[in-house]
N, C-alpha and C. Protein backbone atom coordinates (compact mmCIF):
# COMPACT_ATOMS: atom_id res chain seq x y z
N MET A 1 102.42 142.49 174.60
CA MET A 1 101.40 141.94 175.44
C MET A 1 100.10 142.75 175.31
N ILE A 2 100.26 144.04 175.25
CA ILE A 2 99.08 144.91 175.10
C ILE A 2 98.46 144.68 173.72
N ARG A 3 99.32 144.47 172.73
CA ARG A 3 98.83 144.25 171.38
C ARG A 3 97.91 143.03 171.33
N ARG A 4 98.32 141.97 171.98
CA ARG A 4 97.51 140.75 171.99
C ARG A 4 96.16 141.02 172.64
N GLY A 5 96.22 141.80 173.64
CA GLY A 5 94.97 142.13 174.35
C GLY A 5 94.03 142.92 173.47
N VAL A 6 94.59 143.88 172.72
CA VAL A 6 93.76 144.70 171.84
C VAL A 6 93.18 143.85 170.72
N PHE A 7 94.00 142.97 170.15
CA PHE A 7 93.50 142.08 169.09
C PHE A 7 92.43 141.15 169.62
N ALA A 8 92.67 140.64 170.80
CA ALA A 8 91.67 139.76 171.40
C ALA A 8 90.37 140.51 171.61
N LEU A 9 90.49 141.76 172.07
CA LEU A 9 89.31 142.59 172.29
C LEU A 9 88.59 142.84 170.97
N LEU A 10 89.35 143.16 169.92
CA LEU A 10 88.75 143.40 168.61
C LEU A 10 88.09 142.14 168.06
N LEU A 11 88.77 141.02 168.19
CA LEU A 11 88.21 139.76 167.70
C LEU A 11 86.97 139.38 168.47
N ALA A 12 87.01 139.56 169.77
CA ALA A 12 85.85 139.22 170.59
C ALA A 12 84.68 140.11 170.21
N GLY A 13 84.96 141.37 169.98
CA GLY A 13 83.89 142.30 169.59
C GLY A 13 83.32 141.94 168.23
N ALA A 14 84.17 141.56 167.32
CA ALA A 14 83.72 141.21 165.98
C ALA A 14 82.90 139.93 166.01
N MET A 15 83.30 138.98 166.84
CA MET A 15 82.62 137.69 166.91
C MET A 15 81.33 137.79 167.72
N ALA A 16 81.26 138.76 168.58
CA ALA A 16 80.10 138.88 169.44
C ALA A 16 78.91 139.45 168.69
N GLY A 17 79.10 139.80 167.44
CA GLY A 17 77.99 140.26 166.64
C GLY A 17 77.79 141.76 166.71
N CYS A 18 78.84 142.50 166.99
CA CYS A 18 78.74 143.95 167.01
C CYS A 18 78.45 144.44 165.61
N ALA A 19 77.93 145.60 165.53
CA ALA A 19 77.67 146.22 164.24
C ALA A 19 78.99 146.44 163.55
N PRO A 20 78.99 146.42 162.22
CA PRO A 20 80.25 146.61 161.50
C PRO A 20 80.89 147.94 161.90
N ALA A 21 82.16 147.84 162.16
CA ALA A 21 82.88 149.02 162.62
C ALA A 21 83.63 149.63 161.46
N ASN A 22 83.86 150.90 161.56
CA ASN A 22 84.64 151.63 160.57
C ASN A 22 86.11 151.33 160.82
N ARG A 23 86.82 151.03 159.79
CA ARG A 23 88.24 150.64 159.92
C ARG A 23 89.03 151.79 160.53
N ASP A 24 88.77 152.99 160.11
CA ASP A 24 89.51 154.14 160.66
C ASP A 24 89.26 154.29 162.16
N ASP A 25 88.01 154.10 162.57
CA ASP A 25 87.69 154.21 163.99
C ASP A 25 88.42 153.13 164.79
N LEU A 26 88.45 151.93 164.23
CA LEU A 26 89.13 150.83 164.93
C LEU A 26 90.64 151.12 165.01
N THR A 27 91.20 151.64 163.92
CA THR A 27 92.63 151.95 163.91
C THR A 27 92.95 152.99 164.98
N LYS A 28 92.15 154.04 165.07
CA LYS A 28 92.37 155.09 166.07
C LYS A 28 92.28 154.52 167.47
N GLU A 29 91.32 153.65 167.67
CA GLU A 29 91.13 153.06 168.99
C GLU A 29 92.34 152.23 169.40
N VAL A 30 92.83 151.42 168.44
CA VAL A 30 93.99 150.57 168.74
C VAL A 30 95.22 151.42 168.96
N LEU A 31 95.43 152.45 168.17
CA LEU A 31 96.62 153.29 168.31
C LEU A 31 96.59 154.09 169.62
N ARG A 32 95.42 154.46 170.11
CA ARG A 32 95.35 155.12 171.42
C ARG A 32 95.82 154.16 172.50
N ALA A 33 95.43 152.88 172.34
CA ALA A 33 95.81 151.90 173.35
C ALA A 33 97.27 151.46 173.19
N ASP A 34 97.75 151.42 171.93
CA ASP A 34 99.12 150.94 171.67
C ASP A 34 99.71 151.74 170.52
N PRO A 35 100.35 152.89 170.81
CA PRO A 35 100.91 153.73 169.75
C PRO A 35 102.00 153.04 168.93
N GLU A 36 102.68 152.04 169.49
CA GLU A 36 103.74 151.33 168.75
C GLU A 36 103.17 150.43 167.66
N PHE A 37 101.90 150.17 167.72
CA PHE A 37 101.26 149.28 166.74
C PHE A 37 101.22 149.92 165.35
N VAL A 38 101.51 151.23 165.28
CA VAL A 38 101.53 151.92 164.00
C VAL A 38 102.52 151.27 163.03
N SER A 39 103.66 150.78 163.56
CA SER A 39 104.66 150.14 162.68
C SER A 39 104.10 148.85 162.08
N VAL A 40 103.32 148.09 162.85
CA VAL A 40 102.71 146.86 162.34
C VAL A 40 101.68 147.20 161.27
N LEU A 41 100.90 148.26 161.54
CA LEU A 41 99.90 148.66 160.55
C LEU A 41 100.54 149.15 159.26
N GLU A 42 101.65 149.91 159.38
CA GLU A 42 102.37 150.37 158.18
C GLU A 42 102.92 149.19 157.38
N LYS A 43 103.52 148.24 158.11
CA LYS A 43 104.06 147.05 157.45
C LYS A 43 102.92 146.30 156.76
N HIS A 44 101.79 146.17 157.44
CA HIS A 44 100.63 145.50 156.86
C HIS A 44 100.14 146.23 155.62
N LYS A 45 100.11 147.55 155.69
CA LYS A 45 99.66 148.37 154.56
C LYS A 45 100.60 148.18 153.36
N GLN A 46 101.93 148.17 153.64
CA GLN A 46 102.91 147.96 152.56
C GLN A 46 102.74 146.58 151.93
N LEU A 47 102.57 145.56 152.78
CA LEU A 47 102.43 144.20 152.26
C LEU A 47 101.13 144.04 151.48
N ALA A 48 100.05 144.65 151.98
CA ALA A 48 98.78 144.59 151.27
C ALA A 48 98.89 145.30 149.92
N SER A 49 99.62 146.42 149.90
CA SER A 49 99.84 147.14 148.65
C SER A 49 100.64 146.29 147.67
N ARG A 50 101.66 145.60 148.20
CA ARG A 50 102.47 144.72 147.35
C ARG A 50 101.63 143.58 146.79
N ILE A 51 100.76 143.01 147.63
CA ILE A 51 99.88 141.92 147.18
C ILE A 51 98.96 142.42 146.08
N GLU A 52 98.40 143.62 146.25
CA GLU A 52 97.54 144.19 145.21
C GLU A 52 98.30 144.38 143.91
N THR A 53 99.56 144.84 144.02
CA THR A 53 100.39 145.02 142.82
C THR A 53 100.60 143.67 142.12
N TYR A 54 100.92 142.65 142.90
CA TYR A 54 101.13 141.32 142.32
C TYR A 54 99.86 140.81 141.65
N GLN A 55 98.72 141.07 142.30
CA GLN A 55 97.46 140.61 141.72
C GLN A 55 97.14 141.36 140.43
N ARG A 56 97.44 142.66 140.38
CA ARG A 56 97.23 143.42 139.14
C ARG A 56 98.18 142.92 138.04
N GLU A 57 99.44 142.65 138.43
CA GLU A 57 100.39 142.10 137.45
C GLU A 57 99.90 140.76 136.92
N LEU A 58 99.38 139.93 137.83
CA LEU A 58 98.86 138.63 137.42
C LEU A 58 97.67 138.80 136.46
N ALA A 59 96.76 139.70 136.81
CA ALA A 59 95.60 139.94 135.96
C ALA A 59 96.03 140.43 134.58
N LEU A 60 97.00 141.34 134.57
CA LEU A 60 97.51 141.86 133.30
C LEU A 60 98.17 140.74 132.49
N LYS A 61 98.99 139.96 133.17
CA LYS A 61 99.69 138.85 132.49
C LYS A 61 98.66 137.83 131.97
N ARG A 62 97.64 137.53 132.79
CA ARG A 62 96.62 136.57 132.39
C ARG A 62 95.89 137.06 131.14
N SER A 63 95.51 138.33 131.13
CA SER A 63 94.80 138.85 129.96
C SER A 63 95.69 138.84 128.73
N THR A 64 96.97 139.17 128.91
CA THR A 64 97.92 139.14 127.79
C THR A 64 98.07 137.71 127.25
N VAL A 65 98.23 136.77 128.17
CA VAL A 65 98.40 135.37 127.76
C VAL A 65 97.13 134.87 127.07
N GLU A 66 95.97 135.20 127.62
CA GLU A 66 94.73 134.75 127.01
C GLU A 66 94.54 135.35 125.62
N ARG A 67 94.93 136.61 125.44
CA ARG A 67 94.87 137.22 124.10
C ARG A 67 95.83 136.50 123.16
N ASN A 68 97.03 136.20 123.68
CA ASN A 68 98.02 135.49 122.86
C ASN A 68 97.52 134.10 122.48
N ILE A 69 96.89 133.42 123.43
CA ILE A 69 96.35 132.08 123.14
C ILE A 69 95.29 132.18 122.06
N ALA A 70 94.40 133.16 122.20
CA ALA A 70 93.35 133.33 121.19
C ALA A 70 93.97 133.61 119.82
N GLN A 71 94.98 134.46 119.79
CA GLN A 71 95.64 134.78 118.52
C GLN A 71 96.37 133.56 117.96
N LEU A 72 97.02 132.81 118.84
CA LEU A 72 97.73 131.60 118.39
C LEU A 72 96.74 130.57 117.82
N ARG A 73 95.57 130.47 118.43
CA ARG A 73 94.56 129.54 117.90
C ARG A 73 94.12 129.98 116.51
N LYS A 74 93.91 131.28 116.34
CA LYS A 74 93.53 131.80 115.02
C LYS A 74 94.65 131.53 114.02
N ASP A 75 95.89 131.78 114.45
CA ASP A 75 97.04 131.53 113.57
C ASP A 75 97.13 130.06 113.19
N LEU A 76 96.86 129.19 114.16
CA LEU A 76 96.92 127.75 113.90
C LEU A 76 95.88 127.35 112.86
N VAL A 77 94.68 127.86 113.01
CA VAL A 77 93.62 127.53 112.05
C VAL A 77 94.01 127.99 110.65
N SER A 78 94.53 129.21 110.54
CA SER A 78 94.91 129.70 109.21
C SER A 78 96.11 128.93 108.67
N THR A 79 97.03 128.55 109.55
CA THR A 79 98.20 127.78 109.10
C THR A 79 97.79 126.40 108.62
N VAL A 80 96.88 125.76 109.35
CA VAL A 80 96.40 124.43 108.93
C VAL A 80 95.74 124.53 107.56
N SER A 81 94.94 125.54 107.38
CA SER A 81 94.28 125.74 106.09
C SER A 81 95.30 125.96 104.99
N SER A 82 96.28 126.79 105.25
CA SER A 82 97.32 127.09 104.27
C SER A 82 98.11 125.83 103.91
N VAL A 83 98.46 125.05 104.92
CA VAL A 83 99.24 123.83 104.68
C VAL A 83 98.42 122.84 103.85
N ARG A 84 97.13 122.75 104.12
CA ARG A 84 96.29 121.84 103.33
C ARG A 84 96.25 122.26 101.87
N VAL A 85 96.15 123.55 101.63
CA VAL A 85 96.13 124.05 100.24
C VAL A 85 97.47 123.75 99.56
N LYS A 86 98.55 124.05 100.27
CA LYS A 86 99.88 123.80 99.70
C LYS A 86 100.10 122.32 99.43
N THR A 87 99.66 121.47 100.37
CA THR A 87 99.80 120.03 100.20
C THR A 87 99.03 119.55 98.98
N ALA A 88 97.82 120.06 98.82
CA ALA A 88 97.01 119.68 97.65
C ALA A 88 97.69 120.12 96.36
N ASP A 89 98.29 121.32 96.36
CA ASP A 89 99.01 121.79 95.17
C ASP A 89 100.19 120.89 94.83
N VAL A 90 100.93 120.51 95.86
CA VAL A 90 102.10 119.64 95.63
C VAL A 90 101.64 118.28 95.10
N LYS A 91 100.57 117.76 95.69
CA LYS A 91 100.07 116.46 95.22
C LYS A 91 99.62 116.56 93.76
N LYS A 92 99.01 117.69 93.38
CA LYS A 92 98.60 117.87 91.98
C LYS A 92 99.81 117.89 91.07
N LYS A 93 100.91 118.47 91.54
CA LYS A 93 102.13 118.51 90.73
C LYS A 93 102.72 117.11 90.57
N MET A 94 102.47 116.24 91.55
CA MET A 94 103.01 114.88 91.48
C MET A 94 102.10 113.94 90.68
N GLU A 95 100.86 114.34 90.45
CA GLU A 95 99.89 113.48 89.76
C GLU A 95 100.35 113.04 88.37
N PRO A 96 100.91 113.92 87.53
CA PRO A 96 101.32 113.46 86.19
C PRO A 96 102.33 112.30 86.25
N ASP A 97 103.30 112.40 87.15
CA ASP A 97 104.28 111.32 87.28
C ASP A 97 103.60 110.04 87.75
N GLN A 98 102.70 110.20 88.72
CA GLN A 98 102.01 109.04 89.26
C GLN A 98 101.14 108.39 88.18
N LYS A 99 100.41 109.20 87.43
CA LYS A 99 99.55 108.66 86.36
C LYS A 99 100.39 108.00 85.27
N ARG A 100 101.54 108.61 84.94
CA ARG A 100 102.41 108.03 83.93
C ARG A 100 102.91 106.66 84.40
N LEU A 101 103.35 106.59 85.65
CA LEU A 101 103.84 105.32 86.18
C LEU A 101 102.72 104.28 86.27
N GLU A 102 101.52 104.71 86.65
CA GLU A 102 100.39 103.78 86.71
C GLU A 102 100.06 103.26 85.31
N GLY A 103 100.14 104.15 84.30
CA GLY A 103 99.90 103.72 82.92
C GLY A 103 100.96 102.72 82.46
N GLU A 104 102.22 103.01 82.78
CA GLU A 104 103.29 102.07 82.43
C GLU A 104 103.09 100.73 83.13
N LEU A 105 102.65 100.79 84.38
CA LEU A 105 102.43 99.55 85.12
C LEU A 105 101.29 98.74 84.49
N THR A 106 100.22 99.40 84.13
CA THR A 106 99.10 98.71 83.48
C THR A 106 99.55 98.06 82.18
N GLN A 107 100.32 98.82 81.40
CA GLN A 107 100.81 98.31 80.13
C GLN A 107 101.75 97.11 80.35
N ALA A 108 102.62 97.22 81.36
CA ALA A 108 103.56 96.13 81.63
C ALA A 108 102.83 94.87 82.12
N VAL A 109 101.79 95.05 82.93
CA VAL A 109 101.01 93.90 83.41
C VAL A 109 100.30 93.23 82.23
N THR A 110 99.77 94.03 81.32
CA THR A 110 99.10 93.48 80.13
C THR A 110 100.11 92.70 79.29
N GLU A 111 101.29 93.29 79.10
CA GLU A 111 102.34 92.61 78.33
C GLU A 111 102.76 91.31 79.02
N LEU A 112 102.85 91.34 80.35
CA LEU A 112 103.22 90.13 81.09
C LEU A 112 102.19 89.03 80.87
N ARG A 113 100.92 89.38 80.95
CA ARG A 113 99.86 88.37 80.73
C ARG A 113 99.93 87.79 79.31
N GLU A 114 100.18 88.66 78.34
CA GLU A 114 100.29 88.17 76.95
C GLU A 114 101.48 87.21 76.81
N LYS A 115 102.62 87.61 77.40
CA LYS A 115 103.81 86.75 77.30
C LYS A 115 103.59 85.44 78.05
N GLN A 116 102.90 85.50 79.20
CA GLN A 116 102.62 84.27 79.95
C GLN A 116 101.71 83.36 79.14
N SER A 117 100.75 83.98 78.47
CA SER A 117 99.85 83.19 77.62
C SER A 117 100.62 82.55 76.46
N GLN A 118 101.50 83.33 75.85
CA GLN A 118 102.34 82.80 74.75
C GLN A 118 103.22 81.66 75.26
N ARG A 119 103.78 81.86 76.45
CA ARG A 119 104.68 80.83 77.00
C ARG A 119 103.91 79.56 77.33
N ALA A 120 102.71 79.72 77.85
CA ALA A 120 101.90 78.54 78.16
C ALA A 120 101.53 77.80 76.88
N SER A 121 101.16 78.54 75.86
CA SER A 121 100.82 77.92 74.58
C SER A 121 102.03 77.22 73.98
N LEU A 122 103.17 77.88 74.05
CA LEU A 122 104.40 77.27 73.53
C LEU A 122 104.76 76.02 74.33
N GLY A 123 104.55 76.05 75.63
CA GLY A 123 104.82 74.87 76.46
C GLY A 123 103.94 73.70 76.06
N ARG A 124 102.68 73.97 75.77
CA ARG A 124 101.78 72.91 75.31
C ARG A 124 102.24 72.37 73.94
N GLN A 125 102.66 73.28 73.06
CA GLN A 125 103.14 72.86 71.73
C GLN A 125 104.39 71.99 71.86
N ILE A 126 105.28 72.39 72.78
CA ILE A 126 106.51 71.61 72.97
C ILE A 126 106.16 70.21 73.48
N ALA A 127 105.25 70.14 74.45
CA ALA A 127 104.84 68.82 74.98
C ALA A 127 104.22 67.98 73.87
N GLN A 128 103.37 68.56 73.07
CA GLN A 128 102.73 67.85 71.96
C GLN A 128 103.77 67.40 70.94
N HIS A 129 104.72 68.30 70.67
CA HIS A 129 105.76 67.97 69.69
C HIS A 129 106.64 66.83 70.19
N ARG A 130 106.93 66.80 71.47
CA ARG A 130 107.74 65.69 72.02
C ARG A 130 106.99 64.37 71.88
N LYS A 131 105.70 64.38 72.09
CA LYS A 131 104.90 63.16 71.91
C LYS A 131 104.96 62.70 70.45
N THR A 132 104.82 63.68 69.56
CA THR A 132 104.84 63.37 68.14
C THR A 132 106.21 62.85 67.74
N LEU A 133 107.24 63.41 68.34
CA LEU A 133 108.62 63.02 68.02
C LEU A 133 108.87 61.55 68.37
N LYS A 134 108.27 61.07 69.44
CA LYS A 134 108.47 59.68 69.86
C LYS A 134 107.84 58.70 68.86
N THR A 135 106.79 59.12 68.22
CA THR A 135 106.09 58.22 67.29
C THR A 135 106.37 58.52 65.83
N SER A 136 107.26 59.47 65.56
CA SER A 136 107.49 59.86 64.17
C SER A 136 108.43 58.89 63.45
N LEU A 137 108.39 58.97 62.15
CA LEU A 137 109.28 58.15 61.32
C LEU A 137 110.68 58.72 61.34
N ALA A 138 111.65 57.94 61.06
CA ALA A 138 113.05 58.35 61.10
C ALA A 138 113.33 59.46 60.11
N SER A 139 112.70 59.43 58.93
CA SER A 139 112.95 60.45 57.92
C SER A 139 112.42 61.82 58.37
N ASP A 140 111.36 61.80 59.10
CA ASP A 140 110.74 63.04 59.59
C ASP A 140 111.33 63.48 60.93
N HIS A 141 112.09 62.60 61.52
CA HIS A 141 112.63 62.81 62.87
C HIS A 141 113.56 64.03 62.95
N LEU A 142 114.44 64.21 61.99
CA LEU A 142 115.39 65.33 62.01
C LEU A 142 114.68 66.67 61.90
N ARG A 143 113.70 66.74 61.02
CA ARG A 143 112.95 67.99 60.86
C ARG A 143 112.20 68.32 62.14
N GLN A 144 111.60 67.34 62.78
CA GLN A 144 110.86 67.57 64.01
C GLN A 144 111.79 67.95 65.18
N GLU A 145 112.98 67.37 65.22
CA GLU A 145 113.95 67.75 66.26
C GLU A 145 114.40 69.20 66.06
N ALA A 146 114.55 69.62 64.80
CA ALA A 146 114.92 71.01 64.52
C ALA A 146 113.79 71.94 64.96
N GLN A 147 112.56 71.54 64.68
CA GLN A 147 111.42 72.35 65.12
C GLN A 147 111.36 72.42 66.66
N LEU A 148 111.62 71.30 67.30
CA LEU A 148 111.60 71.26 68.77
C LEU A 148 112.70 72.16 69.33
N ALA A 149 113.88 72.11 68.73
CA ALA A 149 114.98 72.96 69.19
C ALA A 149 114.62 74.44 69.02
N GLU A 150 113.95 74.75 67.90
CA GLU A 150 113.53 76.13 67.67
C GLU A 150 112.49 76.54 68.72
N MET A 151 111.56 75.66 69.02
CA MET A 151 110.54 75.96 70.05
C MET A 151 111.18 76.14 71.43
N LEU A 152 112.15 75.30 71.73
CA LEU A 152 112.84 75.42 73.02
C LEU A 152 113.61 76.74 73.10
N GLY A 153 114.18 77.16 71.99
CA GLY A 153 114.86 78.46 71.93
C GLY A 153 113.87 79.60 72.16
N ASP A 154 112.68 79.47 71.51
CA ASP A 154 111.63 80.48 71.72
C ASP A 154 111.18 80.49 73.18
N ALA A 155 111.08 79.31 73.79
CA ALA A 155 110.66 79.21 75.20
C ALA A 155 111.69 79.89 76.10
N THR A 156 112.97 79.68 75.82
CA THR A 156 114.02 80.31 76.61
C THR A 156 113.96 81.83 76.47
N ARG A 157 113.76 82.30 75.23
CA ARG A 157 113.65 83.73 74.98
C ARG A 157 112.44 84.31 75.72
N LEU A 158 111.29 83.61 75.66
CA LEU A 158 110.10 84.08 76.36
C LEU A 158 110.30 84.09 77.88
N ASP A 159 110.99 83.07 78.39
CA ASP A 159 111.27 83.03 79.84
C ASP A 159 112.12 84.23 80.26
N LEU A 160 113.10 84.57 79.43
CA LEU A 160 113.94 85.74 79.73
C LEU A 160 113.10 87.03 79.66
N GLU A 161 112.25 87.13 78.65
CA GLU A 161 111.37 88.30 78.54
C GLU A 161 110.43 88.40 79.74
N LEU A 162 109.90 87.27 80.18
CA LEU A 162 109.02 87.26 81.36
C LEU A 162 109.76 87.74 82.60
N THR A 163 110.96 87.28 82.77
CA THR A 163 111.77 87.71 83.93
C THR A 163 112.03 89.21 83.86
N THR A 164 112.34 89.70 82.67
CA THR A 164 112.60 91.14 82.49
C THR A 164 111.34 91.95 82.78
N ILE A 165 110.20 91.51 82.27
CA ILE A 165 108.94 92.23 82.49
C ILE A 165 108.57 92.22 83.98
N LYS A 166 108.74 91.09 84.63
CA LYS A 166 108.44 91.00 86.06
C LYS A 166 109.32 91.97 86.86
N GLU A 167 110.56 92.05 86.51
CA GLU A 167 111.47 92.99 87.21
C GLU A 167 111.05 94.44 86.92
N HIS A 168 110.65 94.70 85.69
CA HIS A 168 110.18 96.04 85.32
C HIS A 168 108.92 96.40 86.13
N ILE A 169 108.00 95.45 86.25
CA ILE A 169 106.77 95.68 87.04
C ILE A 169 107.12 95.95 88.50
N ARG A 170 108.02 95.16 89.04
CA ARG A 170 108.44 95.36 90.43
C ARG A 170 109.04 96.75 90.61
N LEU A 171 109.87 97.17 89.69
CA LEU A 171 110.49 98.49 89.76
C LEU A 171 109.44 99.61 89.66
N LEU A 172 108.47 99.44 88.77
CA LEU A 172 107.38 100.42 88.66
C LEU A 172 106.59 100.52 89.96
N LYS A 173 106.31 99.39 90.58
CA LYS A 173 105.58 99.39 91.86
C LYS A 173 106.37 100.11 92.94
N VAL A 174 107.67 99.87 92.97
CA VAL A 174 108.52 100.55 93.96
C VAL A 174 108.52 102.06 93.71
N LYS A 175 108.63 102.46 92.44
CA LYS A 175 108.60 103.88 92.10
C LYS A 175 107.29 104.53 92.55
N LEU A 176 106.18 103.84 92.27
CA LEU A 176 104.88 104.37 92.71
C LEU A 176 104.79 104.47 94.22
N LEU A 177 105.29 103.48 94.89
CA LEU A 177 105.29 103.50 96.36
C LEU A 177 106.10 104.68 96.87
N LEU A 178 107.24 104.92 96.26
CA LEU A 178 108.11 106.01 96.71
C LEU A 178 107.48 107.39 96.50
N ILE A 179 106.75 107.57 95.41
CA ILE A 179 106.18 108.90 95.19
C ILE A 179 104.85 109.08 95.93
N LYS A 180 104.27 108.00 96.44
CA LYS A 180 103.04 108.11 97.22
C LYS A 180 103.34 108.43 98.68
N LEU A 181 104.57 108.23 99.12
CA LEU A 181 104.92 108.47 100.52
C LEU A 181 105.00 109.91 100.82
């Protein structure tokens, strides 16, 4: 009860606009009025000391973490740079295979176009030959049928070659896709 009175007195004095008081003087004054209050002041002093310790630990931890963050950022920048260099080196090592496959693909596409052109020309010849066969004389008919059969055989062979080339082109495209990934 006396403690409350002393605190009230101190608070009232502080709020009333008194000149700043010396903490030691205030402590002596309170202890004269309430000697048992020393235990509260000791407990307060211990807790304040503990709070200061926690705050110093926090400040130390914060500075350590901030240094670590700064170092990690530097490490990240150097790692990114290193990975980019390594990636470029690996891509350079893959370039010969990629260029070889692209060359093969270009060559196969050119061959496909040539074979398609040959097949189209042969198809026109076969159509023309069939027209001629309908109007030909009987003596010439056997020779023209043999020529037509030979042309049809060539057409079948070209169709097979076209299918093979198309499959080869598809396979080359898949290979290129796989090494670009």
